[in-house]
Amino acid sequence: MEPMKEKIAYYSRRLFDKHGFHGAALRDVCRLSGCKMPTIYYYYGSKEKLFDEVTRVAFEELEARLWEQLPKKAGIKEHDIQMVIQKKHLSEDERTIYRLAQKTWLGFGDCEESRRKLTEWEEDNLKNSLKKYRSITSSSMWAKFIARSVSAMIQRIILLEEKIPDKEIREEIGMIFEVASNFNKIEPKERHQRKN
């Protein structure tokens, strides 16, 4: 990325993170990055495209890079544990990208096009996760519970800046996987009786 485009992305991300889409002013991006307004429009075309580039596109690129860093031969449970622990060690800029994308996906941002695209990305991610978790449990509800529990743990780390110890991450994810896999051992008749 060109140095000026990189500076614009860096400062706009921080302003969007702090003030939201409507609250962040492009003139402040210009002042902080040392450029003039036409430069922003040259690189990004509009405020919406700038927001999408520094939020959604940057998030998807970050996720792909982080995914590649995870151990390839680990089992599903260990893979998820490492994925959550990995989020504790993001750089400041990576945390900002992640936090801004999560806030946008959760509806706290004001750029609907980016939110729509992030929602589509998240839905695809959930489908892939459900396929993966089906090898652990026959229950689609348990598969969703695992996926959403891992996602919630990452949100606690990124959005709430919660310092979850590695041991607690391991125990929590381990317990979820154990209960989900034990669900398969309950006879269908017994599950039906428990429902009633």
Protein backbone atom coordinates (compact mmCIF):
# COMPACT_ATOMS: atom_id res chain seq x y z
CA MET A 1 0.00 0.00 0.00
CA GLU A 2 1.25 3.49 -0.79
CA PRO A 3 2.48 5.43 2.29
CA MET A 4 -0.18 8.18 2.05
CA LYS A 5 -3.00 5.67 1.50
CA GLU A 6 -1.70 3.74 4.51
CA LYS A 7 -1.69 6.88 6.68
CA ILE A 8 -5.24 7.73 5.61
CA ALA A 9 -6.36 4.18 6.47
CA TYR A 10 -4.58 4.26 9.84
CA TYR A 11 -6.09 7.56 11.01
CA SER A 12 -9.54 7.01 9.53
CA ARG A 13 -9.78 3.65 11.32
CA ARG A 14 -9.06 5.31 14.65
CA LEU A 15 -11.53 8.11 14.02
CA PHE A 16 -14.26 5.69 12.88
CA ASP A 17 -13.58 3.51 15.91
CA LYS A 18 -13.81 6.45 18.29
CA HIS A 19 -16.59 8.52 16.70
CA GLY A 20 -18.50 6.13 14.42
CA PHE A 21 -19.16 6.54 10.72
CA HIS A 22 -21.15 9.80 10.93
CA GLY A 23 -19.10 11.28 13.76
CA ALA A 24 -15.75 10.90 12.02
CA ALA A 25 -14.99 13.89 9.80
CA LEU A 26 -12.92 13.50 6.64
CA ARG A 27 -11.30 16.87 7.36
CA ASP A 28 -9.90 15.33 10.57
CA VAL A 29 -8.57 12.38 8.56
CA CYS A 30 -6.91 14.91 6.23
CA ARG A 31 -5.42 16.89 9.12
CA LEU A 32 -4.03 13.82 10.90
CA SER A 33 -2.69 12.11 7.79
CA GLY A 34 -1.29 15.30 6.26
CA CYS A 35 -3.23 15.26 3.02
CA LYS A 36 -5.92 17.28 1.26
CA MET A 37 -9.51 16.15 0.66
CA PRO A 38 -8.98 15.31 -3.06
CA THR A 39 -6.34 12.76 -2.00
CA ILE A 40 -8.92 10.83 0.03
CA TYR A 41 -11.34 10.84 -2.90
CA TYR A 42 -8.53 9.80 -5.27
CA TYR A 43 -7.77 6.70 -3.17
CA TYR A 44 -11.25 5.82 -1.91
CA GLY A 45 -13.90 7.67 -3.92
CA SER A 46 -16.26 8.34 -0.99
CA LYS A 47 -16.50 8.21 2.78
CA GLU A 48 -18.55 5.01 2.49
CA LYS A 49 -15.88 3.31 0.37
CA LEU A 50 -13.16 4.51 2.76
CA PHE A 51 -15.08 3.05 5.71
CA ASP A 52 -15.68 -0.23 3.89
CA GLU A 53 -12.01 -0.53 2.89
CA VAL A 54 -10.59 0.19 6.36
CA THR A 55 -13.23 -1.86 8.16
CA ARG A 56 -14.64 -4.81 6.24
CA VAL A 57 -11.89 -5.35 3.68
CA ALA A 58 -9.15 -4.92 6.31
CA PHE A 59 -11.02 -7.30 8.66
CA GLU A 60 -11.42 -10.01 6.02
CA GLU A 61 -7.72 -9.72 5.10
CA LEU A 62 -6.75 -9.86 8.79
CA GLU A 63 -8.93 -12.93 9.39
CA ALA A 64 -7.39 -14.72 6.39
CA ARG A 65 -3.87 -13.92 7.63
CA LEU A 66 -4.68 -15.02 11.20
CA TRP A 67 -6.28 -18.23 9.92
CA GLU A 68 -3.08 -19.11 8.06
CA GLN A 69 -1.09 -18.72 11.29
CA LEU A 70 -3.15 -21.32 13.16
CA PRO A 71 -1.80 -24.87 13.52
CA LYS A 72 -2.89 -26.98 10.55
CA LYS A 73 -2.78 -30.41 12.17
CA ALA A 74 -4.53 -29.53 15.43
CA GLY A 75 -7.89 -31.06 16.25
CA ILE A 76 -11.02 -28.93 16.12
CA LYS A 77 -11.02 -28.15 19.85
CA GLU A 78 -7.33 -27.20 19.93
CA HIS A 79 -7.77 -25.15 16.76
CA ASP A 80 -10.57 -23.14 18.39
CA ILE A 81 -8.57 -22.68 21.59
CA GLN A 82 -5.60 -21.35 19.60
CA MET A 83 -7.91 -19.11 17.54
CA VAL A 84 -9.27 -17.45 20.70
CA ILE A 85 -5.84 -17.14 22.36
CA GLN A 86 -4.52 -15.61 19.13
CA LYS A 87 -6.94 -12.69 19.52
CA LYS A 88 -5.30 -11.76 22.85
CA HIS A 89 -2.05 -11.03 21.01
CA LEU A 90 -3.22 -8.76 18.20
CA SER A 91 -1.30 -5.55 17.52
CA GLU A 92 -2.98 -2.23 18.30
CA ASP A 93 -3.90 -1.75 14.64
CA GLU A 94 -5.24 -5.32 14.34
CA ARG A 95 -7.35 -4.83 17.47
CA THR A 96 -8.75 -1.60 16.03
CA ILE A 97 -9.64 -3.35 12.76
CA TYR A 98 -11.23 -6.25 14.60
CA ARG A 99 -13.15 -4.03 17.05
CA LEU A 100 -14.42 -1.72 14.30
CA ALA A 101 -15.60 -4.69 12.22
CA GLN A 102 -17.34 -6.29 15.20
CA LYS A 103 -19.07 -3.04 16.15
CA THR A 104 -20.20 -2.59 12.54
CA TRP A 105 -21.43 -6.21 12.29
CA LEU A 106 -23.32 -5.84 15.59
CA GLY A 107 -25.05 -2.73 14.24
CA PHE A 108 -23.19 -0.01 16.13
CA GLY A 109 -21.75 1.44 12.95
CA ASP A 110 -23.78 3.59 10.63
CA CYS A 111 -22.57 2.27 7.28
CA GLU A 112 -25.24 -0.22 6.24
CA GLU A 113 -23.44 -1.46 3.12
CA SER A 114 -20.40 -2.52 5.16
CA ARG A 115 -22.67 -4.10 7.76
CA ARG A 116 -24.52 -6.05 5.08
CA LYS A 117 -21.25 -7.37 3.63
CA LEU A 118 -19.89 -8.25 7.09
CA THR A 119 -23.15 -10.05 7.89
CA GLU A 120 -22.80 -12.09 4.68
CA TRP A 121 -19.19 -12.90 5.61
CA GLU A 122 -20.27 -13.94 9.12
CA GLU A 123 -23.09 -16.13 7.77
CA ASP A 124 -20.61 -17.94 5.48
CA ASN A 125 -18.23 -18.32 8.41
CA LEU A 126 -21.03 -19.75 10.58
CA LYS A 127 -21.98 -22.28 7.85
CA ASN A 128 -18.36 -23.45 7.67
CA SER A 129 -18.16 -23.67 11.46
CA LEU A 130 -21.38 -25.69 11.64
CA LYS A 131 -19.97 -28.21 9.14
CA LYS A 132 -16.82 -28.47 11.24
CA TYR A 133 -18.73 -28.94 14.53
CA ARG A 134 -21.03 -31.59 13.06
CA SER A 135 -18.10 -34.00 13.50
CA ILE A 136 -18.33 -33.32 17.26
CA THR A 137 -22.10 -33.44 17.71
CA SER A 138 -25.11 -34.65 15.75
CA SER A 139 -27.16 -31.74 17.08
CA SER A 140 -27.29 -28.63 14.89
CA MET A 141 -28.24 -26.62 18.00
CA TRP A 142 -25.08 -27.78 19.81
CA ALA A 143 -23.01 -26.95 16.73
CA LYS A 144 -24.49 -23.42 16.73
CA PHE A 145 -23.88 -23.15 20.47
CA ILE A 146 -20.20 -24.02 20.05
CA ALA A 147 -19.77 -21.51 17.19
CA ARG A 148 -21.55 -18.74 19.08
CA SER A 149 -19.68 -19.46 22.32
CA VAL A 150 -16.31 -19.18 20.59
CA SER A 151 -17.47 -15.97 18.87
CA ALA A 152 -18.69 -14.53 22.19
CA MET A 153 -15.35 -15.27 23.82
CA ILE A 154 -13.55 -13.39 21.03
CA GLN A 155 -15.98 -10.47 21.44
CA ARG A 156 -15.20 -10.35 25.18
CA ILE A 157 -11.49 -10.13 24.37
CA ILE A 158 -11.83 -7.53 21.60
CA LEU A 159 -14.82 -5.37 22.57
CA LEU A 160 -14.67 -5.59 26.35
CA GLU A 161 -10.86 -5.90 26.49
CA GLU A 162 -11.34 -8.74 28.95
CA LYS A 163 -8.09 -10.44 29.94
CA ILE A 164 -9.16 -14.09 29.86
CA PRO A 165 -6.33 -16.38 31.03
CA ASP A 166 -5.29 -19.08 28.55
CA LYS A 167 -6.15 -21.74 31.13
CA GLU A 168 -9.72 -20.43 31.39
CA ILE A 169 -10.06 -20.36 27.58
CA ARG A 170 -8.89 -23.98 27.43
CA GLU A 171 -11.26 -25.06 30.23
CA GLU A 172 -14.28 -23.21 28.84
CA ILE A 173 -13.89 -24.48 25.28
CA GLY A 174 -12.99 -27.96 26.56
CA MET A 175 -16.13 -28.08 28.68
CA ILE A 176 -18.32 -26.98 25.75
CA PHE A 177 -16.84 -29.63 23.47
CA GLU A 178 -17.18 -32.32 26.14
CA VAL A 179 -20.86 -31.59 26.79
CA ALA A 180 -21.61 -31.32 23.06
CA SER A 181 -19.91 -34.62 22.27
CA ASN A 182 -21.67 -36.32 25.22
CA PHE A 183 -24.99 -35.21 23.74
CA ASN A 184 -24.46 -37.88 21.06
CA LYS A 185 -24.20 -40.57 23.73
CA ILE A 186 -27.68 -39.90 25.10
CA GLU A 187 -30.13 -42.26 23.48
CA PRO A 188 -32.69 -40.49 21.24
CA LYS A 189 -35.55 -41.84 23.40
CA GLU A 190 -33.92 -40.41 26.53
CA ARG A 191 -33.44 -37.00 24.80
CA HIS A 192 -37.13 -37.02 23.86
CA GLN A 193 -38.14 -37.80 27.46
CA ARG A 194 -35.98 -34.95 28.75
CA LYS A 195 -37.71 -32.52 26.39
CA ASN A 196 -41.12 -33.44 27.79
